Amino acid sequence: MKIGIITYHRSQNHGAQLQAYATKTALCKLGVDAEVLDCNTIGEESMFEWHFNSLRAFLGSIKNNVLSLVSERKRNKLFKAFSQNMVGVSKPCLTKVSLDKIIKEYDYVITGSDQVWHPQICEDQTCFFLDLPVSSNQKIAYAPSFGVPDYNHIEVEKYIPLINDIAHLSVREEKGVEIIKKYTSREAKLVVDPTMLLTREDWNEIVKPSHYKKYLFYFTILDEQPGTDALVRKIAAEKGLEIVRIGSLKDLMKPGFKNARANGPQEFLGLIRDADFVVTTSFHGTVFSILFEKEFLCVLNNNNRNSRMETLTLRLGLKKYLVQNPNVFNFSKEFEKINYEHVKQKLDILRDDSLCFLKESIGL
């Protein structure tokens, strides 16, 4: 059996590449031949970007490009190496014609995980909705995320018929279940992110240890709320930890943080595993904190992409570790040590249930 996977495998985003690796690895552990289809370049960043629409934008470009010289060269190299060597991809099929041709070599095709059904992030590429010349029964959606609370009428007309043609439907958050139910009357299976199909022992096989000692790992990727930096500094001071951060380019200039942006997916795993505490605004930052059984907090973002964090923590009994407002969260009074024995029991059940969905979808 041969299975093709369509996802954001080139994205220079730690979670994106690790979920691509996890999907392929989980399928291979089931005894099938799986590979990621090299059919898109979404998220692949160039080192330098120029904006000329205003003087302010141009000056901002200069600043960001100078900062890129500090961290992006090494970072980009590590991401590309991980995609090529650890994820492993098919021969290029970057046009619809070439993808339609190569897809005939596979028994099944899977879309997911990540926000592959986000109308902006997917860049209007219908391959993420499995708009392909294969039968409905050959199509599987494993843990895709919409990343928005709903589709507008144009998106409904374009994407929902394609989603409805997928025989094996699953998503990774409650909001996705609601959207599919609303427009197709179908019950999509709620499954765990593919990174959680693998165990801590599986991830330890590829992790690269951190070289920092006694630190709080601070990982942000989207629009963190005002007050998040201050909360992190307070926790670190209380625990006597230095702060190691992966954030955006603009965060490189902030004082008090050790910059760890120039790290790839395997180094990212080590930064979480070896940390004394984790604060993150990221879904996958939360996932790996749980997998490595770390004391952590997830601060919700200033956007509409929080459903996946809310669903994950609710299902694992960790809702109290979501911070709604960092400005009013009292760490000393509100934080309790996590009972990972209970969390592990819940996760094992969810993992087994999700693997059953995968196995049933491909006839195992």
Protein backbone atom coordinates (compact mmCIF):
# COMPACT_ATOMS: atom_id res chain seq x y z
CA MET A 1 0.00 0.00 0.00
CA LYS A 2 1.28 3.45 -0.92
CA ILE A 3 -0.04 6.65 0.64
CA GLY A 4 0.64 10.25 -0.36
CA ILE A 5 0.44 13.11 2.14
CA ILE A 6 -0.37 16.70 1.24
CA THR A 7 0.59 19.30 3.83
CA TYR A 8 2.80 22.37 4.47
CA HIS A 9 6.01 20.33 4.41
CA ARG A 10 8.24 23.18 3.21
CA SER A 11 7.00 25.70 5.75
CA GLN A 12 9.76 27.16 7.89
CA ASN A 13 7.65 26.59 10.94
CA HIS A 14 8.59 24.07 13.61
CA GLY A 15 5.12 22.65 14.09
CA ALA A 16 4.42 22.38 10.38
CA GLN A 17 7.48 20.27 9.64
CA LEU A 18 7.17 18.16 12.77
CA GLN A 19 3.54 17.29 12.02
CA ALA A 20 4.52 16.32 8.46
CA TYR A 21 7.24 14.06 9.87
CA ALA A 22 4.79 12.62 12.40
CA THR A 23 2.10 11.80 9.84
CA LYS A 24 4.55 9.95 7.64
CA THR A 25 6.21 8.18 10.58
CA ALA A 26 2.90 7.10 12.13
CA LEU A 27 1.79 5.60 8.81
CA CYS A 28 5.10 3.82 8.33
CA LYS A 29 4.76 2.36 11.84
CA LEU A 30 1.46 0.89 10.64
CA GLY A 31 3.42 -0.93 7.95
CA VAL A 32 2.50 1.12 4.89
CA ASP A 33 4.64 3.02 2.40
CA ALA A 34 3.98 6.73 2.95
CA GLU A 35 5.60 9.85 1.59
CA VAL A 36 4.90 13.57 1.53
CA LEU A 37 4.00 14.94 -1.88
CA ASP A 38 6.24 17.83 -2.92
CA CYS A 39 3.30 19.71 -4.42
CA ASN A 40 3.50 23.18 -2.83
CA THR A 41 5.96 25.70 -1.42
CA ILE A 42 3.69 27.35 1.16
CA GLY A 43 5.63 28.77 4.11
CA GLU A 44 9.02 28.53 2.43
CA GLU A 45 10.61 31.88 3.20
CA SER A 46 13.25 33.83 1.37
CA MET A 47 15.95 35.27 3.59
CA PHE A 48 15.42 38.87 2.50
CA GLU A 49 12.19 40.75 1.76
CA TRP A 50 11.81 44.29 0.47
CA HIS A 51 8.76 46.54 0.80
CA PHE A 52 8.62 49.81 -1.13
CA ASN A 53 5.05 50.99 -0.58
CA SER A 54 6.16 53.61 1.99
CA LEU A 55 9.32 54.99 3.59
CA ARG A 56 8.40 53.34 6.87
CA ALA A 57 7.92 49.97 5.16
CA PHE A 58 11.25 50.34 3.36
CA LEU A 59 13.12 51.19 6.58
CA GLY A 60 11.39 48.24 8.24
CA SER A 61 12.66 46.02 5.44
CA ILE A 62 16.22 47.16 6.04
CA LYS A 63 15.90 46.44 9.76
CA ASN A 64 14.39 42.97 9.21
CA ASN A 65 16.96 42.06 6.59
CA VAL A 66 19.81 43.01 8.90
CA LEU A 67 18.22 40.87 11.62
CA SER A 68 17.86 38.03 9.13
CA LEU A 69 21.62 37.96 8.72
CA VAL A 70 21.89 37.24 12.45
CA SER A 71 19.63 34.22 12.64
CA GLU A 72 17.89 33.26 9.41
CA ARG A 73 20.74 31.75 7.40
CA LYS A 74 21.35 28.93 9.89
CA ARG A 75 17.63 28.56 10.59
CA ASN A 76 16.69 28.20 6.92
CA LYS A 77 19.44 25.65 6.39
CA LEU A 78 18.22 23.52 9.31
CA PHE A 79 14.61 23.61 8.12
CA LYS A 80 15.52 22.61 4.59
CA ALA A 81 17.71 19.78 5.85
CA PHE A 82 14.92 18.47 8.07
CA SER A 83 12.39 18.59 5.24
CA GLN A 84 14.70 16.76 2.85
CA ASN A 85 16.32 14.26 5.20
CA MET A 86 13.80 13.60 7.96
CA VAL A 87 10.41 14.24 6.37
CA GLY A 88 11.37 12.94 2.95
CA VAL A 89 9.34 14.02 -0.06
CA SER A 90 8.30 12.75 -3.45
CA LYS A 91 9.69 14.02 -6.72
CA PRO A 92 8.44 17.57 -7.40
CA CYS A 93 4.84 17.88 -8.59
CA LEU A 94 4.29 21.61 -8.21
CA THR A 95 1.71 22.01 -10.99
CA LYS A 96 -1.80 20.60 -11.04
CA VAL A 97 -0.97 18.61 -14.17
CA SER A 98 2.06 16.96 -12.57
CA LEU A 99 0.22 16.34 -9.30
CA ASP A 100 -2.77 14.80 -11.07
CA LYS A 101 -0.37 12.52 -12.90
CA ILE A 102 1.70 11.39 -9.91
CA ILE A 103 -1.34 10.87 -7.67
CA LYS A 104 -2.29 7.78 -9.67
CA GLU A 105 0.69 6.00 -8.09
CA TYR A 106 -0.96 6.07 -4.64
CA ASP A 107 -3.67 3.92 -3.09
CA TYR A 108 -4.75 6.72 -0.73
CA VAL A 109 -4.04 10.42 -0.35
CA ILE A 110 -4.18 12.26 2.98
CA THR A 111 -4.58 15.98 3.57
CA GLY A 112 -3.55 17.42 6.91
CA SER A 113 -2.65 18.18 9.58
CA ASP A 114 -1.93 21.88 10.14
CA GLN A 115 -4.17 24.73 8.97
CA VAL A 116 -4.47 23.32 5.46
CA TRP A 117 -8.11 24.41 5.26
CA HIS A 118 -7.40 28.00 6.32
CA PRO A 119 -8.66 30.06 3.35
CA GLN A 120 -5.72 32.47 3.40
CA ILE A 121 -2.87 30.19 4.42
CA CYS A 122 -3.70 27.55 1.78
CA GLU A 123 -3.33 30.26 -0.89
CA ASP A 124 -6.41 29.03 -2.73
CA GLN A 125 -4.71 25.75 -3.65
CA THR A 126 -7.48 23.16 -3.85
CA CYS A 127 -5.03 20.25 -3.61
CA PHE A 128 -5.32 20.66 0.18
CA PHE A 129 -9.01 19.80 -0.23
CA LEU A 130 -8.06 16.76 -2.34
CA ASP A 131 -9.32 18.19 -5.60
CA LEU A 132 -7.67 15.27 -7.37
CA PRO A 133 -8.57 12.58 -9.93
CA VAL A 134 -9.06 9.80 -7.36
CA SER A 135 -12.18 8.23 -5.88
CA SER A 136 -13.85 9.59 -2.76
CA ASN A 137 -12.88 6.48 -0.81
CA GLN A 138 -9.19 7.11 -1.55
CA LYS A 139 -9.39 10.53 0.11
CA ILE A 140 -8.58 10.98 3.80
CA ALA A 141 -8.55 14.14 5.88
CA TYR A 142 -6.41 13.55 8.96
CA ALA A 143 -6.61 16.30 11.59
CA PRO A 144 -6.76 19.33 9.27
CA SER A 145 -7.54 22.67 10.84
CA PHE A 146 -9.74 25.44 9.41
CA GLY A 147 -8.02 28.06 11.55
CA VAL A 148 -11.06 30.35 11.24
CA PRO A 149 -14.41 30.33 13.08
CA ASP A 150 -16.33 29.96 9.80
CA TYR A 151 -16.13 30.28 6.02
CA ASN A 152 -17.70 33.14 4.07
CA HIS A 153 -20.17 32.32 1.29
CA ILE A 154 -17.49 32.31 -1.42
CA GLU A 155 -15.34 29.89 0.57
CA VAL A 156 -18.35 27.70 1.31
CA GLU A 157 -19.17 27.41 -2.40
CA LYS A 158 -15.57 26.64 -3.33
CA TYR A 159 -14.30 24.38 -0.56
CA ILE A 160 -17.26 22.62 1.08
CA PRO A 161 -18.17 20.44 -1.96
CA LEU A 162 -14.53 19.27 -2.06
CA ILE A 163 -14.53 18.53 1.68
CA ASN A 164 -17.82 16.66 1.33
CA ASP A 165 -16.26 14.43 -1.33
CA ILE A 166 -13.69 13.14 1.16
CA ALA A 167 -14.91 9.77 2.39
CA HIS A 168 -12.79 9.68 5.56
CA LEU A 169 -13.21 12.95 7.45
CA SER A 170 -11.46 13.97 10.65
CA VAL A 171 -10.37 17.29 12.16
CA ARG A 172 -8.31 18.32 15.18
CA GLU A 173 -10.60 20.84 16.89
CA GLU A 174 -14.25 21.19 17.91
CA LYS A 175 -14.72 24.23 15.67
CA GLY A 176 -13.85 22.09 12.65
CA VAL A 177 -16.45 19.51 13.67
CA GLU A 178 -19.02 22.30 13.89
CA ILE A 179 -18.17 23.77 10.46
CA ILE A 180 -18.41 20.39 8.73
CA LYS A 181 -21.67 19.55 10.51
CA LYS A 182 -23.12 22.95 9.58
CA TYR A 183 -22.43 22.68 5.85
CA THR A 184 -22.46 18.93 5.12
CA SER A 185 -24.55 17.44 7.95
CA ARG A 186 -21.71 14.94 8.41
CA GLU A 187 -20.01 14.00 11.68
CA ALA A 188 -16.27 14.49 11.32
CA LYS A 189 -14.09 12.45 13.65
CA LEU A 190 -12.21 14.49 16.27
CA VAL A 191 -8.64 13.18 16.36
CA VAL A 192 -5.32 14.20 17.88
CA ASP A 193 -2.69 16.09 15.92
CA PRO A 194 -0.31 13.61 14.22
CA THR A 195 2.53 14.73 16.49
CA MET A 196 0.58 13.04 19.29
CA LEU A 197 0.34 9.76 17.39
CA LEU A 198 4.01 9.39 18.32
CA THR A 199 5.14 8.92 21.92
CA ARG A 200 7.76 10.76 23.92
CA GLU A 201 10.08 7.81 23.25
CA ASP A 202 9.54 8.20 19.49
CA TRP A 203 10.44 11.90 19.63
CA ASN A 204 13.47 11.27 21.81
CA GLU A 205 14.93 9.29 18.90
CA ILE A 206 15.37 12.47 16.83
CA VAL A 207 15.69 15.23 19.46
CA LYS A 208 18.85 17.33 19.62
CA PRO A 209 19.66 18.30 23.22
CA SER A 210 19.61 21.92 24.32
CA HIS A 211 22.90 23.49 25.36
CA TYR A 212 21.19 25.90 27.78
CA LYS A 213 21.01 25.25 31.54
CA LYS A 214 18.21 26.15 33.96
CA TYR A 215 15.93 28.07 31.64
CA LEU A 216 12.36 28.93 30.80
CA PHE A 217 11.61 28.30 27.13
CA TYR A 218 9.39 31.01 25.63
CA PHE A 219 7.96 30.16 22.22
CA THR A 220 5.67 32.48 20.30
CA ILE A 221 4.57 32.32 16.70
CA LEU A 222 1.38 34.33 16.21
CA ASP A 223 0.02 37.50 17.80
CA GLU A 224 0.78 37.23 21.50
CA GLN A 225 -1.25 39.40 23.81
CA PRO A 226 0.23 42.52 25.42
CA GLY A 227 1.47 41.52 28.83
CA THR A 228 2.77 38.09 27.79
CA ASP A 229 6.42 39.19 27.89
CA ALA A 230 5.90 40.64 31.37
CA LEU A 231 4.29 37.42 32.62
CA VAL A 232 7.22 35.39 31.30
CA ARG A 233 9.76 37.66 32.99
CA LYS A 234 7.87 37.37 36.28
CA ILE A 235 7.74 33.55 36.17
CA ALA A 236 11.43 33.31 35.24
CA ALA A 237 12.42 35.66 38.07
CA GLU A 238 10.33 33.71 40.57
CA LYS A 239 11.90 30.41 39.50
CA GLY A 240 15.44 31.75 39.08
CA LEU A 241 15.59 30.85 35.38
CA GLU A 242 17.02 32.59 32.34
CA ILE A 243 14.67 33.02 29.39
CA VAL A 244 15.40 31.34 26.06
CA ARG A 245 13.10 32.55 23.32
CA ILE A 246 12.02 31.64 19.80
CA GLY A 247 9.85 34.42 18.45
CA SER A 248 9.57 36.57 15.35
CA LEU A 249 12.33 38.72 13.87
CA LYS A 250 11.13 41.75 15.82
CA ASP A 251 11.62 39.85 19.07
CA LEU A 252 15.37 39.62 18.44
CA MET A 253 15.73 43.20 19.66
CA LYS A 254 13.94 42.69 22.98
CA PRO A 255 16.24 42.73 26.03
CA GLY A 256 16.30 39.99 28.65
CA PHE A 257 15.81 37.04 26.31
CA LYS A 258 18.42 34.66 24.92
CA ASN A 259 17.63 34.39 21.22
CA ALA A 260 17.14 30.81 19.97
CA ARG A 261 15.39 31.62 16.69
CA ALA A 262 18.22 30.11 14.62
CA ASN A 263 17.16 26.56 15.51
CA GLY A 264 15.48 23.90 13.39
CA PRO A 265 12.79 21.36 14.30
CA GLN A 266 15.07 18.89 16.08
CA GLU A 267 16.72 21.63 18.15
CA PHE A 268 13.24 22.97 18.96
CA LEU A 269 12.32 19.59 20.44
CA GLY A 270 15.39 19.74 22.64
CA LEU A 271 14.59 23.26 23.81
CA ILE A 272 11.21 22.07 25.07
CA ARG A 273 12.35 18.72 26.46
CA ASP A 274 15.24 20.17 28.46
CA ALA A 275 13.45 23.29 29.73
CA ASP A 276 12.53 23.81 33.39
CA PHE A 277 9.33 25.59 32.35
CA VAL A 278 7.61 26.48 29.07
CA VAL A 279 5.42 29.44 28.14
CA THR A 280 4.01 29.39 24.64
CA THR A 281 1.30 30.87 22.45
CA SER A 282 1.70 28.05 19.94
CA PHE A 283 -0.42 24.94 19.42
CA HIS A 284 2.61 22.74 18.79
CA GLY A 285 4.49 24.41 21.60
CA THR A 286 1.64 23.20 23.81
CA VAL A 287 1.62 19.73 22.21
CA PHE A 288 5.30 19.07 22.80
CA SER A 289 5.16 20.51 26.31
CA ILE A 290 2.55 17.84 27.04
CA LEU A 291 4.41 15.05 25.24
CA PHE A 292 7.61 15.82 27.17
CA GLU A 293 5.56 16.26 30.38
CA LYS A 294 6.74 19.79 31.10
CA GLU A 295 5.28 22.36 33.47
CA PHE A 296 3.82 24.91 31.03
CA LEU A 297 1.37 27.67 30.31
CA CYS A 298 -0.28 28.40 26.97
CA VAL A 299 -1.23 32.05 26.53
CA LEU A 300 -4.07 32.48 24.05
CA ASN A 301 -3.39 34.70 21.05
CA ASN A 302 -4.92 37.94 19.85
CA ASN A 303 -6.62 36.20 16.93
CA ASN A 304 -9.29 33.63 16.07
CA ARG A 305 -7.00 30.59 15.93
CA ASN A 306 -7.30 29.44 19.53
CA SER A 307 -9.86 26.66 19.07
CA ARG A 308 -7.21 23.98 18.59
CA MET A 309 -5.46 24.87 21.87
CA GLU A 310 -8.80 25.00 23.68
CA THR A 311 -9.88 21.62 22.30
CA LEU A 312 -6.56 19.95 23.11
CA THR A 313 -6.31 21.17 26.70
CA LEU A 314 -9.99 20.46 27.39
CA ARG A 315 -9.71 16.86 26.18
CA LEU A 316 -6.63 16.23 28.32
CA GLY A 317 -7.94 17.94 31.45
CA LEU A 318 -5.48 20.82 31.13
CA LYS A 319 -7.84 23.75 30.52
CA LYS A 320 -6.55 25.55 33.65
CA TYR A 321 -3.15 25.92 31.93
CA LEU A 322 -4.63 28.19 29.26
CA VAL A 323 -4.08 31.84 30.10
CA GLN A 324 -6.90 34.04 28.82
CA ASN A 325 -5.38 37.33 29.97
CA PRO A 326 -1.68 37.47 30.95
CA ASN A 327 -2.18 40.84 32.62
CA VAL A 328 -4.40 39.41 35.34
CA PHE A 329 -3.00 35.87 35.65
CA ASN A 330 -1.42 35.39 39.08
CA PHE A 331 1.20 32.68 38.60
CA SER A 332 2.01 32.22 42.29
CA LYS A 333 -1.64 31.65 43.24
CA GLU A 334 -3.12 30.04 40.12
CA PHE A 335 -0.48 27.64 38.84
CA GLU A 336 -0.64 24.04 40.06
CA LYS A 337 1.79 21.23 39.30
CA ILE A 338 0.48 19.07 36.44
CA ASN A 339 -0.50 15.47 37.20
CA TYR A 340 0.91 13.85 34.09
CA GLU A 341 -0.18 10.37 35.14
CA HIS A 342 -3.79 11.42 34.54
CA VAL A 343 -2.88 13.29 31.35
CA LYS A 344 -1.04 10.27 29.95
CA GLN A 345 -4.04 8.02 30.55
CA LYS A 346 -6.30 10.38 28.62
CA LEU A 347 -3.74 10.84 25.83
CA ASP A 348 -3.26 7.09 25.40
CA ILE A 349 -7.01 6.69 24.85
CA LEU A 350 -7.14 9.57 22.34
CA ARG A 351 -4.04 8.27 20.51
CA ASP A 352 -5.47 4.75 20.19
CA ASP A 353 -8.81 6.13 18.99
CA SER A 354 -7.09 8.32 16.38
CA LEU A 355 -4.93 5.44 15.16
CA CYS A 356 -8.10 3.36 14.78
CA PHE A 357 -9.53 6.07 12.49
CA LEU A 358 -6.38 5.97 10.36
CA LYS A 359 -6.32 2.19 10.18
CA GLU A 360 -10.01 1.94 9.30
CA SER A 361 -9.59 4.65 6.64
CA ILE A 362 -6.89 2.65 4.81
CA GLY A 363 -8.50 -0.73 5.40
CA LEU A 364 -6.11 -2.17 8.01
